[in-house]
C-alpha atoms as a PDB file:
ATOM      1  CA  MET A   1      -0.156   0.054  -0.077  1.00  0.00           C
ATOM      2  CA  LYS A   2       1.221   3.190  -1.103  1.00  0.00           C
ATOM      3  CA  ASP A   3       2.252   5.664   1.792  1.00  0.00           C
ATOM      4  CA  ILE A   4      -0.012   8.175   2.264  1.00  0.00           C
ATOM      5  CA  ASP A   5       2.353  10.586   4.309  1.00  0.00           C
ATOM      6  CA  LEU A   6       4.810  10.382   0.855  1.00  0.00           C
ATOM      7  CA  ILE A   7       2.015  11.257  -1.397  1.00  0.00           C
ATOM      8  CA  LYS A   8       1.058  13.988   0.808  1.00  0.00           C
ATOM      9  CA  LYS A   9       4.695  15.698   1.455  1.00  0.00           C
ATOM     10  CA  PHE A  10       5.169  15.734  -2.183  1.00  0.00           C
ATOM     11  CA  ASP A  11       1.648  17.297  -3.035  1.00  0.00           C
ATOM     12  CA  ARG A  12       3.174  20.013  -0.949  1.00  0.00           C
ATOM     13  CA  GLU A  13       6.008  20.466  -1.855  1.00  0.00           C
ATOM     14  CA  VAL A  14       4.542  20.287  -5.361  1.00  0.00           C
ATOM     15  CA  GLU A  15       2.711  23.017  -4.269  1.00  0.00           C
ATOM     16  CA  GLU A  16       4.964  25.351  -2.237  1.00  0.00           C
ATOM     17  CA  LYS A  17       7.453  24.994  -5.674  1.00  0.00           C
ATOM     18  CA  GLY A  18       4.748  26.096  -7.472  1.00  0.00           C
ATOM     19  CA  VAL A  19       4.512  24.173 -10.008  1.00  0.00           C
ATOM     20  CA  ARG A  20       1.120  23.894 -11.766  1.00  0.00           C
ATOM     21  CA  ILE A  21      -1.430  20.288 -11.670  1.00  0.00           C
ATOM     22  CA  LYS A  22      -2.540  20.415 -15.218  1.00  0.00           C
ATOM     23  CA  ASP A  23      -4.623  17.684 -14.907  1.00  0.00           C
ATOM     24  CA  ALA A  24      -5.625  17.026 -10.949  1.00  0.00           C
ATOM     25  CA  ASP A  25      -7.109  13.606 -12.162  1.00  0.00           C
ATOM     26  CA  GLN A  26      -3.859  12.111 -13.784  1.00  0.00           C
ATOM     27  CA  MET A  27      -1.988  13.850 -10.868  1.00  0.00           C
ATOM     28  CA  LYS A  28      -4.724  11.126  -8.964  1.00  0.00           C
ATOM     29  CA  VAL A  29      -3.556   8.914 -12.054  1.00  0.00           C
ATOM     30  CA  MET A  30       0.625   9.117 -11.358  1.00  0.00           C
ATOM     31  CA  GLU A  31       0.254   8.374  -7.807  1.00  0.00           C
ATOM     32  CA  ASN A  32      -2.178   5.289  -8.017  1.00  0.00           C
ATOM     33  CA  VAL A  33      -0.134   3.885 -10.599  1.00  0.00           C
ATOM     34  CA  PHE A  34       4.000   4.223  -9.624  1.00  0.00           C
ATOM     35  CA  ASP A  35       5.412   3.638  -6.538  1.00  0.00           C
ATOM     36  CA  ASP A  36       6.806   5.709  -2.782  1.00  0.00           C
ATOM     37  CA  GLN A  37      10.853   5.154  -5.538  1.00  0.00           C
ATOM     38  CA  THR A  38       8.925   6.672  -8.192  1.00  0.00           C
ATOM     39  CA  LEU A  39       7.566   9.655  -6.436  1.00  0.00           C
ATOM     40  CA  ILE A  40      10.395  10.641  -4.493  1.00  0.00           C
ATOM     41  CA  ALA A  41      12.448  11.143  -8.052  1.00  0.00           C
ATOM     42  CA  LEU A  42       9.952  13.105  -9.347  1.00  0.00           C
ATOM     43  CA  TYR A  43       9.311  15.101  -6.580  1.00  0.00           C
ATOM     44  CA  LYS A  44      13.555  15.437  -7.271  1.00  0.00           C
ATOM     45  CA  LEU A  45      12.857  16.896 -10.977  1.00  0.00           C
ATOM     46  CA  VAL A  46      10.236  19.488  -9.439  1.00  0.00           C
ATOM     47  CA  HIS A  47      13.021  20.367  -6.480  1.00  0.00           C
ATOM     48  CA  LYS A  48      15.858  20.793  -9.433  1.00  0.00           C
ATOM     49  CA  GLY A  49      12.935  22.792 -11.642  1.00  0.00           C
ATOM     50  CA  LYS A  50      13.280  20.510 -13.918  1.00  0.00           C
ATOM     51  CA  ILE A  51       9.465  20.530 -14.082  1.00  0.00           C
ATOM     52  CA  SER A  52       7.092  23.645 -13.432  1.00  0.00           C
ATOM     53  CA  ALA A  53       3.777  22.427 -15.197  1.00  0.00           C
ATOM     54  CA  ILE A  54       2.479  18.589 -14.995  1.00  0.00           C
ATOM     55  CA  GLY A  55      -0.331  17.728 -17.917  1.00  0.00           C
ATOM     56  CA  GLY A  56      -2.526  15.108 -18.783  1.00  0.00           C
ATOM     57  CA  SER A  57      -1.690  11.381 -20.403  1.00  0.00           C
ATOM     58  CA  ILE A  58       0.555  11.207 -23.426  1.00  0.00           C
ATOM     59  CA  SER A  59       0.491   7.793 -24.455  1.00  0.00           C
ATOM     60  CA  THR A  60       0.277   4.574 -22.257  1.00  0.00           C
ATOM     61  CA  GLY A  61       2.085   1.581 -23.113  1.00  0.00           C
ATOM     62  CA  LYS A  62       3.407  -1.806 -21.499  1.00  0.00           C
ATOM     63  CA  GLU A  63       7.045  -0.517 -19.046  1.00  0.00           C
ATOM     64  CA  ALA A  64       5.954   2.919 -19.546  1.00  0.00           C
ATOM     65  CA  ASN A  65       3.918   6.275 -18.757  1.00  0.00           C
ATOM     66  CA  VAL A  66       4.357   9.170 -20.539  1.00  0.00           C
ATOM     67  CA  PHE A  67       3.035  12.130 -19.522  1.00  0.00           C
ATOM     68  CA  TYR A  68       2.774  16.424 -21.288  1.00  0.00           C
ATOM     69  CA  GLY A  69       4.336  18.167 -19.192  1.00  0.00           C
ATOM     70  CA  GLU A  70       6.486  22.188 -19.142  1.00  0.00           C
ATOM     71  CA  ASP A  71       9.641  23.201 -17.959  1.00  0.00           C
ATOM     72  CA  SER A  72      11.086  26.482 -15.964  1.00  0.00           C
ATOM     73  CA  ASP A  73      11.048  27.981 -18.776  1.00  0.00           C
ATOM     74  CA  LYS A  74       7.261  27.042 -19.655  1.00  0.00           C
ATOM     75  CA  ASN A  75       8.454  25.079 -23.027  1.00  0.00           C
ATOM     76  CA  SER A  76       6.540  22.049 -23.448  1.00  0.00           C
ATOM     77  CA  ILE A  77       8.104  18.577 -22.431  1.00  0.00           C
ATOM     78  CA  ALA A  78       7.285  14.701 -22.352  1.00  0.00           C
ATOM     79  CA  ILE A  79       7.683  13.229 -18.442  1.00  0.00           C
ATOM     80  CA  LYS A  80       8.023   9.052 -19.910  1.00  0.00           C
ATOM     81  CA  ILE A  81       7.884   7.513 -16.848  1.00  0.00           C
ATOM     82  CA  TYR A  82       9.258   3.112 -16.785  1.00  0.00           C
ATOM     83  CA  ARG A  83       6.603   1.087 -14.643  1.00  0.00           C
ATOM     84  CA  ILE A  84       8.836  -0.487 -11.946  1.00  0.00           C
ATOM     85  CA  GLN A  85       6.725  -2.722 -10.664  1.00  0.00           C
ATOM     86  CA  SER A  86       4.780  -4.130 -13.793  1.00  0.00           C
ATOM     87  CA  ALA A  87       8.103  -3.405 -16.908  1.00  0.00           C
ATOM     88  CA  ASN A  88       8.516  -6.377 -18.571  1.00  0.00           C
ATOM     89  CA  PHE A  89      11.785  -7.237 -17.261  1.00  0.00           C
ATOM     90  CA  ASN A  90      13.065 -10.117 -19.052  1.00  0.00           C
ATOM     91  CA  LYS A  91      12.468  -8.302 -22.389  1.00  0.00           C
ATOM     92  CA  MET A  92      14.361  -5.449 -21.817  1.00  0.00           C
ATOM     93  CA  GLY A  93      17.153  -7.839 -20.511  1.00  0.00           C
ATOM     94  CA  GLU A  94      16.881  -9.125 -23.662  1.00  0.00           C
ATOM     95  CA  TYR A  95      17.860  -5.438 -25.066  1.00  0.00           C
ATOM     96  CA  MET A  96      21.218  -4.859 -22.101  1.00  0.00           C
ATOM     97  CA  ALA A  97      22.704  -8.257 -22.508  1.00  0.00           C
ATOM     98  CA  GLY A  98      24.814  -7.750 -25.244  1.00  0.00           C
ATOM     99  CA  ASP A  99      25.096  -3.459 -25.344  1.00  0.00           C
ATOM    100  CA  PRO A 100      29.247  -3.056 -24.364  1.00  0.00           C
ATOM    101  CA  ARG A 101      27.945   0.107 -22.876  1.00  0.00           C
ATOM    102  CA  PHE A 102      25.254  -1.717 -19.795  1.00  0.00           C
ATOM    103  CA  SER A 103      27.303  -4.966 -19.349  1.00  0.00           C
ATOM    104  CA  SER A 104      28.301  -3.508 -15.853  1.00  0.00           C
ATOM    105  CA  VAL A 105      24.736  -4.006 -14.972  1.00  0.00           C
ATOM    106  CA  ARG A 106      23.111  -6.445 -12.273  1.00  0.00           C
ATOM    107  CA  LYS A 107      21.042  -8.144 -12.796  1.00  0.00           C
ATOM    108  CA  SER A 108      18.027  -6.548  -9.803  1.00  0.00           C
ATOM    109  CA  LYS A 109      14.289  -5.489 -11.917  1.00  0.00           C
ATOM    110  CA  LYS A 110      15.377  -2.330 -10.028  1.00  0.00           C
ATOM    111  CA  GLU A 111      19.027  -1.816 -11.513  1.00  0.00           C
ATOM    112  CA  VAL A 112      17.772  -3.360 -15.134  1.00  0.00           C
ATOM    113  CA  ILE A 113      14.967  -0.083 -15.842  1.00  0.00           C
ATOM    114  CA  PHE A 114      17.006   2.534 -13.932  1.00  0.00           C
ATOM    115  CA  ALA A 115      20.212   1.613 -17.270  1.00  0.00           C
ATOM    116  CA  TRP A 116      17.232   1.243 -19.504  1.00  0.00           C
ATOM    117  CA  THR A 117      16.159   5.147 -18.622  1.00  0.00           C
ATOM    118  CA  LYS A 118      19.584   5.759 -18.796  1.00  0.00           C
ATOM    119  CA  LYS A 119      19.602   3.312 -22.642  1.00  0.00           C
ATOM    120  CA  GLU A 120      17.051   5.521 -23.954  1.00  0.00           C
ATOM    121  CA  TYR A 121      18.846   8.549 -22.882  1.00  0.00           C
ATOM    122  CA  SER A 122      21.649   8.494 -24.028  1.00  0.00           C
ATOM    123  CA  ASN A 123      20.188   6.410 -27.926  1.00  0.00           C
ATOM    124  CA  LEU A 124      18.261   9.917 -28.713  1.00  0.00           C
ATOM    125  CA  LYS A 125      21.074  11.882 -27.681  1.00  0.00           C
ATOM    126  CA  ARG A 126      23.431   9.878 -30.451  1.00  0.00           C
ATOM    127  CA  ALA A 127      20.929   9.712 -33.211  1.00  0.00           C
ATOM    128  CA  LYS A 128      19.251  13.551 -32.295  1.00  0.00           C
ATOM    129  CA  ASP A 129      23.332  14.721 -32.787  1.00  0.00           C
ATOM    130  CA  ALA A 130      23.974  12.411 -36.289  1.00  0.00           C
ATOM    131  CA  GLY A 131      20.835  14.155 -37.322  1.00  0.00           C
ATOM    132  CA  ILE A 132      17.886  12.131 -37.009  1.00  0.00           C
ATOM    133  CA  ASN A 133      14.042  14.229 -36.205  1.00  0.00           C
ATOM    134  CA  CYS A 134      13.778  12.142 -32.601  1.00  0.00           C
ATOM    135  CA  PRO A 135      12.471  13.124 -29.414  1.00  0.00           C
ATOM    136  CA  GLY A 136      15.268  15.740 -27.504  1.00  0.00           C
ATOM    137  CA  PRO A 137      16.368  13.726 -25.035  1.00  0.00           C
ATOM    138  CA  ILE A 138      16.196  16.463 -21.689  1.00  0.00           C
ATOM    139  CA  PHE A 139      17.338  14.983 -18.273  1.00  0.00           C
ATOM    140  CA  PHE A 140      16.881  11.601 -16.730  1.00  0.00           C
ATOM    141  CA  ASP A 141      16.797  10.659 -13.129  1.00  0.00           C
ATOM    142  CA  LYS A 142      16.034   6.748 -11.730  1.00  0.00           C
ATOM    143  CA  ASN A 143      13.725   5.234 -13.956  1.00  0.00           C
ATOM    144  CA  ILE A 144      12.284   8.937 -15.335  1.00  0.00           C
ATOM    145  CA  LEU A 145      12.716  10.976 -19.076  1.00  0.00           C
ATOM    146  CA  LEU A 146      12.378  14.069 -19.199  1.00  0.00           C
ATOM    147  CA  MET A 147      12.503  14.730 -23.337  1.00  0.00           C
ATOM    148  CA  LYS A 148      11.329  17.798 -25.969  1.00  0.00           C
ATOM    149  CA  PHE A 149       7.287  17.000 -26.222  1.00  0.00           C
ATOM    150  CA  CYS A 150       6.311  15.947 -29.802  1.00  0.00           C
ATOM    151  CA  GLY A 151       3.191  18.077 -30.640  1.00  0.00           C
ATOM    152  CA  GLU A 152       1.572  20.852 -30.193  1.00  0.00           C
ATOM    153  CA  ASN A 153      -1.103  22.474 -27.774  1.00  0.00           C
ATOM    154  CA  GLU A 154      -0.299  19.759 -25.378  1.00  0.00           C
ATOM    155  CA  LYS A 155      -1.497  16.766 -27.196  1.00  0.00           C
ATOM    156  CA  ALA A 156       1.180  14.316 -29.084  1.00  0.00           C
ATOM    157  CA  TYR A 157       1.128  13.688 -33.048  1.00  0.00           C
ATOM    158  CA  PRO A 158      -0.196  10.410 -34.397  1.00  0.00           C
ATOM    159  CA  GLN A 159       1.253   7.479 -35.446  1.00  0.00           C
ATOM    160  CA  LEU A 160       2.408   6.715 -38.422  1.00  0.00           C
ATOM    161  CA  ARG A 161      -0.635   4.147 -38.889  1.00  0.00           C
ATOM    162  CA  GLN A 162      -2.571   7.126 -37.709  1.00  0.00           C
ATOM    163  CA  ALA A 163      -1.646   9.460 -40.233  1.00  0.00           C
ATOM    164  CA  ALA A 164      -3.852  10.410 -43.124  1.00  0.00           C
ATOM    165  CA  LEU A 165      -1.729  10.265 -45.780  1.00  0.00           C
ATOM    166  CA  THR A 166      -1.387  10.198 -49.099  1.00  0.00           C
ATOM    167  CA  LYS A 167       0.103   7.531 -52.202  1.00  0.00           C
ATOM    168  CA  GLU A 168       2.836  10.693 -52.603  1.00  0.00           C
ATOM    169  CA  GLU A 169       3.500  11.311 -49.079  1.00  0.00           C
ATOM    170  CA  GLY A 170       3.622   7.861 -48.601  1.00  0.00           C
ATOM    171  CA  GLU A 171       6.367   7.315 -50.651  1.00  0.00           C
ATOM    172  CA  ARG A 172       8.347  10.352 -49.514  1.00  0.00           C
ATOM    173  CA  VAL A 173       7.838   9.090 -46.050  1.00  0.00           C
ATOM    174  CA  TYR A 174       8.883   5.881 -46.826  1.00  0.00           C
ATOM    175  CA  MET A 175      12.151   6.376 -48.430  1.00  0.00           C
ATOM    176  CA  ALA A 176      12.884   9.039 -45.830  1.00  0.00           C
ATOM    177  CA  VAL A 177      12.425   6.365 -43.182  1.00  0.00           C
ATOM    178  CA  LEU A 178      15.613   4.356 -45.215  1.00  0.00           C
ATOM    179  CA  ALA A 179      17.397   7.070 -45.288  1.00  0.00           C
ATOM    180  CA  ASP A 180      17.545   7.484 -41.509  1.00  0.00           C
ATOM    181  CA  MET A 181      17.701   3.770 -40.628  1.00  0.00           C
ATOM    182  CA  LYS A 182      20.765   3.948 -42.683  1.00  0.00           C
ATOM    183  CA  THR A 183      21.718   7.389 -41.368  1.00  0.00           C
ATOM    184  CA  LEU A 184      21.523   5.928 -37.830  1.00  0.00           C
ATOM    185  CA  PHE A 185      23.314   2.478 -38.263  1.00  0.00           C
ATOM    186  CA  ASN A 186      25.648   4.213 -39.558  1.00  0.00           C
ATOM    187  CA  ASP A 187      26.599   7.760 -38.170  1.00  0.00           C
ATOM    188  CA  ALA A 188      24.786   6.775 -34.168  1.00  0.00           C
ATOM    189  CA  GLY A 189      25.785   3.438 -34.379  1.00  0.00           C
ATOM    190  CA  LEU A 190      22.532   2.099 -33.628  1.00  0.00           C
ATOM    191  CA  VAL A 191      19.747  -0.507 -33.780  1.00  0.00           C
ATOM    192  CA  HIS A 192      16.528   1.110 -33.339  1.00  0.00           C
ATOM    193  CA  ALA A 193      15.037  -2.427 -33.031  1.00  0.00           C
ATOM    194  CA  ASP A 194      11.149  -2.115 -32.996  1.00  0.00           C
ATOM    195  CA  LEU A 195      10.799   0.143 -35.831  1.00  0.00           C
ATOM    196  CA  SER A 196       7.219   0.393 -37.202  1.00  0.00           C
ATOM    197  CA  GLU A 197       4.134   2.157 -37.731  1.00  0.00           C
ATOM    198  CA  PHE A 198       3.269   2.206 -34.223  1.00  0.00           C
ATOM    199  CA  ASN A 199       7.122   3.884 -33.125  1.00  0.00           C
ATOM    200  CA  ILE A 200       6.857   7.145 -35.796  1.00  0.00           C
ATOM    201  CA  LEU A 201       5.242  10.294 -35.177  1.00  0.00           C
ATOM    202  CA  TYR A 202       3.759  12.918 -38.491  1.00  0.00           C
ATOM    203  CA  ASP A 203       4.080  15.983 -38.146  1.00  0.00           C
ATOM    204  CA  GLY A 204       2.271  16.955 -41.509  1.00  0.00           C
ATOM    205  CA  GLU A 205       5.464  17.589 -42.744  1.00  0.00           C
ATOM    206  CA  LYS A 206       7.815  14.935 -41.592  1.00  0.00           C
ATOM    207  CA  HIS A 207       8.205  11.762 -39.391  1.00  0.00           C
ATOM    208  CA  ILE A 208       9.421  11.248 -35.781  1.00  0.00           C
ATOM    209  CA  ILE A 209      10.780   8.764 -34.560  1.00  0.00           C
ATOM    210  CA  ILE A 210      10.542   7.382 -30.738  1.00  0.00           C
ATOM    211  CA  ASP A 211      10.770   5.067 -28.155  1.00  0.00           C
ATOM    212  CA  MET A 212      14.159   4.298 -27.759  1.00  0.00           C
ATOM    213  CA  GLY A 213      14.853   2.069 -24.995  1.00  0.00           C
ATOM    214  CA  GLN A 214      15.829  -0.679 -26.858  1.00  0.00           C
ATOM    215  CA  ALA A 215      18.376   0.069 -29.921  1.00  0.00           C
ATOM    216  CA  VAL A 216      20.927  -1.447 -29.806  1.00  0.00           C
ATOM    217  CA  THR A 217      24.652  -1.103 -31.734  1.00  0.00           C
ATOM    218  CA  PRO A 218      25.939  -2.718 -33.915  1.00  0.00           C
ATOM    219  CA  GLU A 219      27.597  -5.543 -32.142  1.00  0.00           C
ATOM    220  CA  HIS A 220      25.012  -6.212 -30.424  1.00  0.00           C
ATOM    221  CA  PRO A 221      23.922 -10.205 -30.988  1.00  0.00           C
ATOM    222  CA  GLY A 222      20.878  -9.209 -31.719  1.00  0.00           C
ATOM    223  CA  ALA A 223      21.869  -6.299 -34.104  1.00  0.00           C
ATOM    224  CA  VAL A 224      21.708  -8.296 -37.411  1.00  0.00           C
ATOM    225  CA  LYS A 225      17.660 -10.237 -36.601  1.00  0.00           C
ATOM    226  CA  PHE A 226      16.479  -6.429 -35.430  1.00  0.00           C
ATOM    227  CA  LEU A 227      18.251  -4.591 -38.381  1.00  0.00           C
ATOM    228  CA  VAL A 228      15.804  -7.478 -40.676  1.00  0.00           C
ATOM    229  CA  ARG A 229      12.941  -7.099 -38.300  1.00  0.00           C
ATOM    230  CA  ASP A 230      13.484  -3.201 -38.549  1.00  0.00           C
ATOM    231  CA  ILE A 231      13.069  -3.574 -42.710  1.00  0.00           C
ATOM    232  CA  LYS A 232      10.118  -5.991 -43.053  1.00  0.00           C
ATOM    233  CA  ASN A 233       8.497  -3.815 -40.243  1.00  0.00           C
ATOM    234  CA  VAL A 234       8.673  -0.915 -42.865  1.00  0.00           C
ATOM    235  CA  ASN A 235       8.088  -2.749 -45.395  1.00  0.00           C
ATOM    236  CA  ARG A 236       4.932  -4.019 -45.105  1.00  0.00           C
ATOM    237  CA  PHE A 237       3.827  -0.931 -43.756  1.00  0.00           C
ATOM    238  CA  PHE A 238       4.656   1.301 -46.712  1.00  0.00           C
ATOM    239  CA  SER A 239       4.046  -1.328 -49.280  1.00  0.00           C
ATOM    240  CA  ARG A 240      -0.131   0.172 -49.518  1.00  0.00           C
ATOM    241  CA  PHE A 241       1.189   3.778 -50.443  1.00  0.00           C
ATOM    242  CA  CYS A 242       4.193   2.222 -53.068  1.00  0.00           C
ATOM    243  CA  ASP A 243       6.551  -0.220 -54.489  1.00  0.00           C
ATOM    244  CA  THR A 244       8.556  -0.809 -51.872  1.00  0.00           C
ATOM    245  CA  ARG A 245      12.715  -1.932 -52.561  1.00  0.00           C
ATOM    246  CA  SER A 246      13.708  -5.802 -51.410  1.00  0.00           C
ATOM    247  CA  GLU A 247      14.754  -5.879 -48.090  1.00  0.00           C
ATOM    248  CA  GLU A 248      17.996  -7.510 -48.526  1.00  0.00           C
ATOM    249  CA  GLU A 249      18.864  -4.522 -51.011  1.00  0.00           C
ATOM    250  CA  ILE A 250      17.756  -2.018 -48.621  1.00  0.00           C
ATOM    251  CA  PHE A 251      19.696  -4.567 -45.749  1.00  0.00           C
ATOM    252  CA  LYS A 252      22.755  -4.223 -48.080  1.00  0.00           C
ATOM    253  CA  ASP A 253      22.443  -0.190 -48.374  1.00  0.00           C
ATOM    254  CA  ILE A 254      22.163   0.129 -44.411  1.00  0.00           C
ATOM    255  CA  VAL A 255      25.110  -2.019 -43.031  1.00  0.00           C
ATOM    256  CA  GLY A 256      27.559  -2.679 -46.358  1.00  0.00           C
ATOM    257  CA  GLU A 257      27.251  -5.602 -48.621  1.00  0.00           C
ATOM    258  CA  HIS A 258      31.063  -5.585 -46.550  1.00  0.00           C
ATOM    259  CA  ARG A 259      29.853  -5.698 -43.547  1.00  0.00           C
ATOM    260  CA  MET A 260      27.255  -8.036 -42.499  1.00  0.00           C
ATOM    261  CA  GLN A 261      24.420 -11.149 -44.514  1.00  0.00           C
ATOM    262  CA  PRO A 262      20.669 -11.285 -42.679  1.00  0.00           C
END
């Protein structure tokens, strides 16, 4: 059972800091869903001035909840909180195990989730530095990741599967996504490993690649399998808009014939 005193302290401190709760019902959801340790980490981010307003839910995934927020300059941000109690520990371990950046992580569930949060921050930074259009990472602590908000008027841009694309737009976005996969691999040193119409947003003009916690380096033992899966998913979705390139052709274009074979 949640420590009621802790919740009251968090609410009091938030109020004293002048943090606006833009959606009181969503704040109750946060208090009901997240454990004491998460509330403490959230409090620290408020105390550090990283968060000045907390709004409604943007999305609820299998491992995390994302809320709208604002920083101290009233810039829109996304607050992504990984659920310590219900996150898929075993699935995370598959992506972490072969990543040399996180080889020292011990096996406790909490430590894996904290490392996963750090991993997504690192992956987003590498992708952003390489020129990929993705949420800009701002800060992380424990199981909480702060990112630039991708949307307008507190509403996130739609997933690609929900976007009303014409055939011409679909073909254009398809080629742009393939180009990003190549840039991600060669310049950022990453394979997304879960790329599909669910993890790509569309702002009406260009796509935005999101959810990069599981992204792995090319040296990861599962990198080839993950890249082939990404290519299959992308081709499957865009085949309704245009003729897609062969999976083998895309693979070789991304990695170079001399590096790996699917």
